[in-house]
C-alpha atoms as a PDB file:
ATOM      1  CA  MET A   1       4.370  15.664   6.487  1.00  0.00           C
ATOM      2  CA  GLY A   2       5.489  16.425   3.141  1.00  0.00           C
ATOM      3  CA  ALA A   3       7.733  15.230   0.090  1.00  0.00           C
ATOM      4  CA  GLY A   4      11.090  17.335   0.750  1.00  0.00           C
ATOM      5  CA  ALA A   5      10.904  16.979   4.350  1.00  0.00           C
ATOM      6  CA  GLY A   6      11.516  12.311   4.242  1.00  0.00           C
ATOM      7  CA  GLY A   7       7.686  12.337   3.283  1.00  0.00           C
ATOM      8  CA  PRO A   8       6.345  10.002   0.977  1.00  0.00           C
ATOM      9  CA  SER A   9       9.214  10.688  -2.498  1.00  0.00           C
ATOM     10  CA  GLU A  10      12.049   9.177   0.119  1.00  0.00           C
ATOM     11  CA  TRP A  11      10.375   7.289   2.409  1.00  0.00           C
ATOM     12  CA  ALA A  12       7.910   4.393  -0.382  1.00  0.00           C
ATOM     13  CA  VAL A  13      10.806   1.491   0.692  1.00  0.00           C
ATOM     14  CA  ALA A  14       6.936  -1.446   1.613  1.00  0.00           C
ATOM     15  CA  ARG A  15       6.357  -3.310  -1.178  1.00  0.00           C
ATOM     16  CA  ASN A  16       3.619  -4.810   1.230  1.00  0.00           C
ATOM     17  CA  TRP A  17       0.961  -4.746   3.958  1.00  0.00           C
ATOM     18  CA  PRO A  18       1.179  -5.877   7.140  1.00  0.00           C
ATOM     19  CA  VAL A  19      -1.684  -7.447   6.383  1.00  0.00           C
ATOM     20  CA  GLY A  20      -3.407  -8.297   4.092  1.00  0.00           C
ATOM     21  CA  THR A  21      -3.507  -7.021   0.496  1.00  0.00           C
ATOM     22  CA  ARG A  22      -6.030  -4.314   0.707  1.00  0.00           C
ATOM     23  CA  PRO A  23      -7.210  -3.575   4.903  1.00  0.00           C
ATOM     24  CA  ALA A  24      -8.894  -0.880   6.366  1.00  0.00           C
ATOM     25  CA  VAL A  25      -7.656   1.799   7.099  1.00  0.00           C
ATOM     26  CA  LEU A  26     -10.121   1.984  10.460  1.00  0.00           C
ATOM     27  CA  ARG A  27      -7.822   5.820  12.095  1.00  0.00           C
ATOM     28  CA  GLY A  28      -5.731   7.260  10.642  1.00  0.00           C
ATOM     29  CA  TRP A  29      -2.426   8.780  12.005  1.00  0.00           C
ATOM     30  CA  ASP A  30      -2.940  11.775  14.141  1.00  0.00           C
ATOM     31  CA  PRO A  31       0.288  12.984  15.422  1.00  0.00           C
ATOM     32  CA  PRO A  32       0.205  15.191  18.647  1.00  0.00           C
ATOM     33  CA  ALA A  33       1.250  18.240  19.221  1.00  0.00           C
ATOM     34  CA  THR A  34       3.537  17.913  21.741  1.00  0.00           C
ATOM     35  CA  PRO A  35       6.136  14.920  22.131  1.00  0.00           C
ATOM     36  CA  TYR A  36       3.887  13.809  25.082  1.00  0.00           C
ATOM     37  CA  GLY A  37       0.663  14.984  23.750  1.00  0.00           C
ATOM     38  CA  PRO A  38      -2.656  13.337  22.573  1.00  0.00           C
ATOM     39  CA  GLY A  39      -2.541  11.767  18.919  1.00  0.00           C
ATOM     40  CA  HIS A  40      -2.574   8.700  16.994  1.00  0.00           C
ATOM     41  CA  ARG A  41       0.648   7.709  16.393  1.00  0.00           C
ATOM     42  CA  GLY A  42       0.163   5.188  14.282  1.00  0.00           C
ATOM     43  CA  VAL A  43      -2.314   3.671  11.891  1.00  0.00           C
ATOM     44  CA  ASP A  44      -4.966   0.644  12.896  1.00  0.00           C
ATOM     45  CA  LEU A  45      -5.625  -1.996  10.424  1.00  0.00           C
ATOM     46  CA  ALA A  46      -8.194  -4.493   9.570  1.00  0.00           C
ATOM     47  CA  ALA A  47      -6.721  -7.420  10.882  1.00  0.00           C
ATOM     48  CA  ALA A  48      -8.617 -10.798  11.948  1.00  0.00           C
ATOM     49  CA  ASP A  49      -7.850 -12.792  14.851  1.00  0.00           C
ATOM     50  CA  GLY A  50      -4.348 -15.404  14.283  1.00  0.00           C
ATOM     51  CA  ALA A  51      -4.695 -13.014  10.850  1.00  0.00           C
ATOM     52  CA  PRO A  52      -0.323 -12.904   9.214  1.00  0.00           C
ATOM     53  CA  VAL A  53       1.542  -9.702  10.298  1.00  0.00           C
ATOM     54  CA  ARG A  54       3.913  -9.777   7.694  1.00  0.00           C
ATOM     55  CA  ALA A  55       7.284  -6.594   7.933  1.00  0.00           C
ATOM     56  CA  VAL A  56       6.589  -4.022   5.195  1.00  0.00           C
ATOM     57  CA  ALA A  57      10.065  -4.188   3.695  1.00  0.00           C
ATOM     58  CA  ALA A  58      13.605  -6.183   5.187  1.00  0.00           C
ATOM     59  CA  GLY A  59      15.738  -4.965   8.219  1.00  0.00           C
ATOM     60  CA  ARG A  60      16.615  -6.465  11.751  1.00  0.00           C
ATOM     61  CA  VAL A  61      14.001  -7.557  14.034  1.00  0.00           C
ATOM     62  CA  SER A  62      15.202  -4.304  17.039  1.00  0.00           C
ATOM     63  CA  PHE A  63      12.699  -5.455  19.430  1.00  0.00           C
ATOM     64  CA  ALA A  64      10.314  -8.659  19.839  1.00  0.00           C
ATOM     65  CA  GLY A  65       8.212  -8.827  23.233  1.00  0.00           C
ATOM     66  CA  ARG A  66       5.550  -7.647  25.136  1.00  0.00           C
ATOM     67  CA  VAL A  67       5.226  -3.846  25.970  1.00  0.00           C
ATOM     68  CA  ALA A  68       1.969  -3.071  28.658  1.00  0.00           C
ATOM     69  CA  GLY A  69       0.704  -7.132  27.909  1.00  0.00           C
ATOM     70  CA  ARG A  70       0.842  -6.709  24.226  1.00  0.00           C
ATOM     71  CA  GLY A  71       2.427  -8.372  21.107  1.00  0.00           C
ATOM     72  CA  VAL A  72       4.729  -5.517  20.386  1.00  0.00           C
ATOM     73  CA  VAL A  73       7.015  -6.447  17.156  1.00  0.00           C
ATOM     74  CA  SER A  74       9.919  -3.438  16.061  1.00  0.00           C
ATOM     75  CA  VAL A  75      11.825  -3.990  12.909  1.00  0.00           C
ATOM     76  CA  GLU A  76      15.148  -1.595  12.092  1.00  0.00           C
ATOM     77  CA  LEU A  77      14.149  -0.922   7.660  1.00  0.00           C
ATOM     78  CA  THR A  78      17.518  -1.727   5.609  1.00  0.00           C
ATOM     79  CA  GLY A  79      18.778   1.527   3.349  1.00  0.00           C
ATOM     80  CA  THR A  80      16.540   3.898   5.771  1.00  0.00           C
ATOM     81  CA  GLY A  81      19.289   6.792   6.914  1.00  0.00           C
ATOM     82  CA  GLU A  82      20.496   6.524  10.184  1.00  0.00           C
ATOM     83  CA  PRO A  83      19.092   6.260  12.477  1.00  0.00           C
ATOM     84  CA  PRO A  84      16.743   4.092  10.305  1.00  0.00           C
ATOM     85  CA  LEU A  85      13.473   4.202  10.191  1.00  0.00           C
ATOM     86  CA  ARG A  86      11.853   1.784  12.885  1.00  0.00           C
ATOM     87  CA  THR A  87       7.638  -0.199  12.313  1.00  0.00           C
ATOM     88  CA  THR A  88       6.143  -1.451  14.924  1.00  0.00           C
ATOM     89  CA  TYR A  89       3.250  -3.977  14.496  1.00  0.00           C
ATOM     90  CA  GLU A  90       1.023  -4.505  17.535  1.00  0.00           C
ATOM     91  CA  PRO A  91      -0.640  -6.455  19.197  1.00  0.00           C
ATOM     92  CA  VAL A  92       1.512  -9.672  17.541  1.00  0.00           C
ATOM     93  CA  ARG A  93       2.146 -12.834  17.775  1.00  0.00           C
ATOM     94  CA  ALA A  94       5.752 -13.035  17.960  1.00  0.00           C
ATOM     95  CA  THR A  95       7.596 -16.169  15.705  1.00  0.00           C
ATOM     96  CA  VAL A  96       9.803 -13.797  15.273  1.00  0.00           C
ATOM     97  CA  HIS A  97      13.263 -12.719  18.223  1.00  0.00           C
ATOM     98  CA  LYS A  98      14.647  -9.144  18.227  1.00  0.00           C
ATOM     99  CA  GLY A  99      17.811 -10.099  16.036  1.00  0.00           C
ATOM    100  CA  ASP A 100      16.606 -11.665  13.135  1.00  0.00           C
ATOM    101  CA  ARG A 101      16.770 -10.367   9.818  1.00  0.00           C
ATOM    102  CA  VAL A 102      13.683 -10.182   7.963  1.00  0.00           C
ATOM    103  CA  ALA A 103      12.421  -9.536   4.204  1.00  0.00           C
ATOM    104  CA  ALA A 104       9.697  -8.137   2.776  1.00  0.00           C
ATOM    105  CA  GLY A 105       6.704  -9.312   3.400  1.00  0.00           C
ATOM    106  CA  GLN A 106       7.642 -12.151   5.926  1.00  0.00           C
ATOM    107  CA  VAL A 107       5.511 -13.190   8.214  1.00  0.00           C
ATOM    108  CA  LEU A 108       6.610 -11.209  11.707  1.00  0.00           C
ATOM    109  CA  GLY A 109       3.472 -13.135  13.536  1.00  0.00           C
ATOM    110  CA  THR A 110      -0.214 -13.284  13.850  1.00  0.00           C
ATOM    111  CA  ALA A 111      -2.374 -10.852  15.355  1.00  0.00           C
ATOM    112  CA  GLU A 112      -3.696 -10.924  19.019  1.00  0.00           C
ATOM    113  CA  ALA A 113      -7.306 -10.681  19.432  1.00  0.00           C
ATOM    114  CA  ALA A 114      -6.948  -8.787  23.325  1.00  0.00           C
ATOM    115  CA  GLY A 115      -4.632  -5.947  24.042  1.00  0.00           C
ATOM    116  CA  SER A 116      -4.894  -3.155  21.992  1.00  0.00           C
ATOM    117  CA  HIS A 117      -6.679  -0.122  21.574  1.00  0.00           C
ATOM    118  CA  CYS A 118      -9.068  -1.295  19.217  1.00  0.00           C
ATOM    119  CA  THR A 119     -11.111  -5.221  18.033  1.00  0.00           C
ATOM    120  CA  ALA A 120     -10.142  -6.484  15.175  1.00  0.00           C
ATOM    121  CA  CYS A 121      -6.810  -4.338  14.349  1.00  0.00           C
ATOM    122  CA  LEU A 122      -3.657  -3.843  14.406  1.00  0.00           C
ATOM    123  CA  HIS A 123      -1.640  -0.912  15.343  1.00  0.00           C
ATOM    124  CA  TRP A 124       1.257   0.014  12.359  1.00  0.00           C
ATOM    125  CA  GLY A 125       3.873   2.508  14.355  1.00  0.00           C
ATOM    126  CA  LEU A 126       7.121   4.017  12.306  1.00  0.00           C
ATOM    127  CA  LEU A 127       9.826   6.349  13.719  1.00  0.00           C
ATOM    128  CA  ARG A 128      12.929   7.800  12.843  1.00  0.00           C
ATOM    129  CA  GLY A 129      14.019   7.738  16.250  1.00  0.00           C
ATOM    130  CA  GLU A 130      12.027   8.876  18.998  1.00  0.00           C
ATOM    131  CA  THR A 131      10.164  11.025  16.388  1.00  0.00           C
ATOM    132  CA  TYR A 132       6.572   8.888  14.917  1.00  0.00           C
ATOM    133  CA  LEU A 133       5.766   9.988  11.487  1.00  0.00           C
ATOM    134  CA  ASP A 134       3.272   8.367   9.248  1.00  0.00           C
ATOM    135  CA  PRO A 135       3.614   4.844   8.054  1.00  0.00           C
ATOM    136  CA  LEU A 136       0.938   4.909   5.227  1.00  0.00           C
ATOM    137  CA  THR A 137       4.342   6.670   4.088  1.00  0.00           C
ATOM    138  CA  LEU A 138       6.129   3.799   3.578  1.00  0.00           C
ATOM    139  CA  LEU A 139       4.043   2.490   1.400  1.00  0.00           C
ATOM    140  CA  PRO A 140       4.276   3.673  -3.167  1.00  0.00           C
ATOM    141  CA  PRO A 141       0.996   4.905  -4.992  1.00  0.00           C
ATOM    142  CA  TRP A 142       0.731   1.371  -6.386  1.00  0.00           C
ATOM    143  CA  LEU A 143      -0.320  -0.240  -2.998  1.00  0.00           C
ATOM    144  CA  LEU A 144      -2.068   2.709  -1.680  1.00  0.00           C
ATOM    145  CA  ASN A 145      -4.296   3.833  -4.235  1.00  0.00           C
ATOM    146  CA  SER A 146      -8.410   1.864  -3.679  1.00  0.00           C
ATOM    147  CA  GLY A 147     -10.121   0.247  -6.445  1.00  0.00           C
ATOM    148  CA  PRO A 148      -9.419  -1.695  -8.999  1.00  0.00           C
ATOM    149  CA  SER A 149      -7.707  -2.183 -11.704  1.00  0.00           C
ATOM    150  CA  ARG A 150      -9.051  -0.478 -14.974  1.00  0.00           C
ATOM    151  CA  LEU A 151      -8.180  -1.226 -18.349  1.00  0.00           C
ATOM    152  CA  LEU A 152      -7.284   1.560 -21.560  1.00  0.00           C
ATOM    153  CA  PRO A 153      -8.464   1.666 -24.784  1.00  0.00           C
ATOM    154  CA  VAL A 154      -5.126   0.919 -26.826  1.00  0.00           C
ATOM    155  CA  LEU A 155      -5.752   3.150 -29.534  1.00  0.00           C
ATOM    156  CA  GLY A 156      -5.168   1.857 -33.545  1.00  0.00           C
ATOM    157  CA  VAL A 157      -5.912  -2.251 -32.630  1.00  0.00           C
ATOM    158  CA  PRO A 158      -8.764  -2.895 -33.959  1.00  0.00           C
ATOM    159  CA  LEU A 159     -11.325  -4.491 -31.297  1.00  0.00           C
ATOM    160  CA  PRO A 160     -12.577  -8.282 -32.044  1.00  0.00           C
ATOM    161  CA  GLY A 161     -14.475  -7.866 -35.000  1.00  0.00           C
ATOM    162  CA  GLU A 162     -13.733  -4.964 -36.516  1.00  0.00           C
ATOM    163  CA  ARG A 163     -12.190  -5.241 -39.411  1.00  0.00           C
ATOM    164  CA  PRO A 164      -9.226  -2.433 -39.723  1.00  0.00           C
ATOM    165  CA  THR A 165      -9.729   0.456 -42.350  1.00  0.00           C
ATOM    166  CA  PRO A 166      -7.246   1.455 -46.064  1.00  0.00           C
ATOM    167  CA  GLU A 167      -6.217   4.017 -42.726  1.00  0.00           C
ATOM    168  CA  GLY A 168      -5.338   1.455 -40.618  1.00  0.00           C
ATOM    169  CA  HIS A 169      -7.776   2.522 -37.976  1.00  0.00           C
ATOM    170  CA  PRO A 170     -10.749   0.201 -36.533  1.00  0.00           C
ATOM    171  CA  GLU A 171     -13.926   1.130 -37.755  1.00  0.00           C
ATOM    172  CA  PRO A 172     -17.029  -1.540 -36.637  1.00  0.00           C
ATOM    173  CA  GLY A 173     -19.378  -3.723 -37.985  1.00  0.00           C
ATOM    174  CA  GLU A 174     -20.423  -2.146 -41.313  1.00  0.00           C
ATOM    175  CA  ARG A 175     -18.841   1.171 -43.079  1.00  0.00           C
ATOM    176  CA  PRO A 176     -21.062   4.222 -43.638  1.00  0.00           C
ATOM    177  CA  VAL A 177     -23.094   4.794 -46.434  1.00  0.00           C
ATOM    178  CA  THR A 178     -22.026   7.500 -48.511  1.00  0.00           C
ATOM    179  CA  ARG A 179     -24.214  10.340 -50.389  1.00  0.00           C
ATOM    180  CA  HIS A 180     -24.786   8.579 -53.638  1.00  0.00           C
ATOM    181  CA  GLY A 181     -26.285   5.485 -51.236  1.00  0.00           C
ATOM    182  CA  HIS A 182     -23.496   2.858 -51.520  1.00  0.00           C
ATOM    183  CA  ALA A 183     -20.893   2.150 -48.626  1.00  0.00           C
ATOM    184  CA  GLY A 184     -17.378   3.999 -48.092  1.00  0.00           C
ATOM    185  CA  ARG A 185     -16.382   6.804 -47.441  1.00  0.00           C
ATOM    186  CA  ALA A 186     -18.691   9.840 -46.877  1.00  0.00           C
ATOM    187  CA  ALA A 187     -18.688  12.846 -49.222  1.00  0.00           C
ATOM    188  CA  GLY A 188     -15.662  15.059 -47.392  1.00  0.00           C
ATOM    189  CA  ASP A 189     -13.876  11.743 -46.143  1.00  0.00           C
ATOM    190  CA  ARG A 190     -10.560  12.552 -47.857  1.00  0.00           C
END
């Protein structure tokens, strides 16, 4: 779904992943072509049995119980319009109750090993009303980007062991030798 149709730029309200710090996405969102057609109405995230499951954003618990033998928690997200966006988490051994207010990052329960369509995973869903949406659109780019942070050089600041030139630019090690055989500016450098 594009940003103009209520996509990532509008919905990036999450402050954390529901499990872990950057869980593997075992199966992505695959929307059905029709309301009752085949598809995958959420994403499956790697999660060990007993892993804490957290609310990705602030809201109110709209359901906490069992559906078809699986523990399910649903949270209506605060400030996301009418009807509000609703996140779902399963299978979860809930520690919250219907009506509870939750903060972003608050533990909703723990991942359960059995009773889901995958093993060692958390199925995370997103709905507006009865329409399923891609839950990854809730995450801001800084949570989605993979890989470690990288430091970039700061230009004009000498590194340890370097000395600044008269122009203020760092110069590593020895100064270049000029055409005349002594250290200093090379011919043509003015």
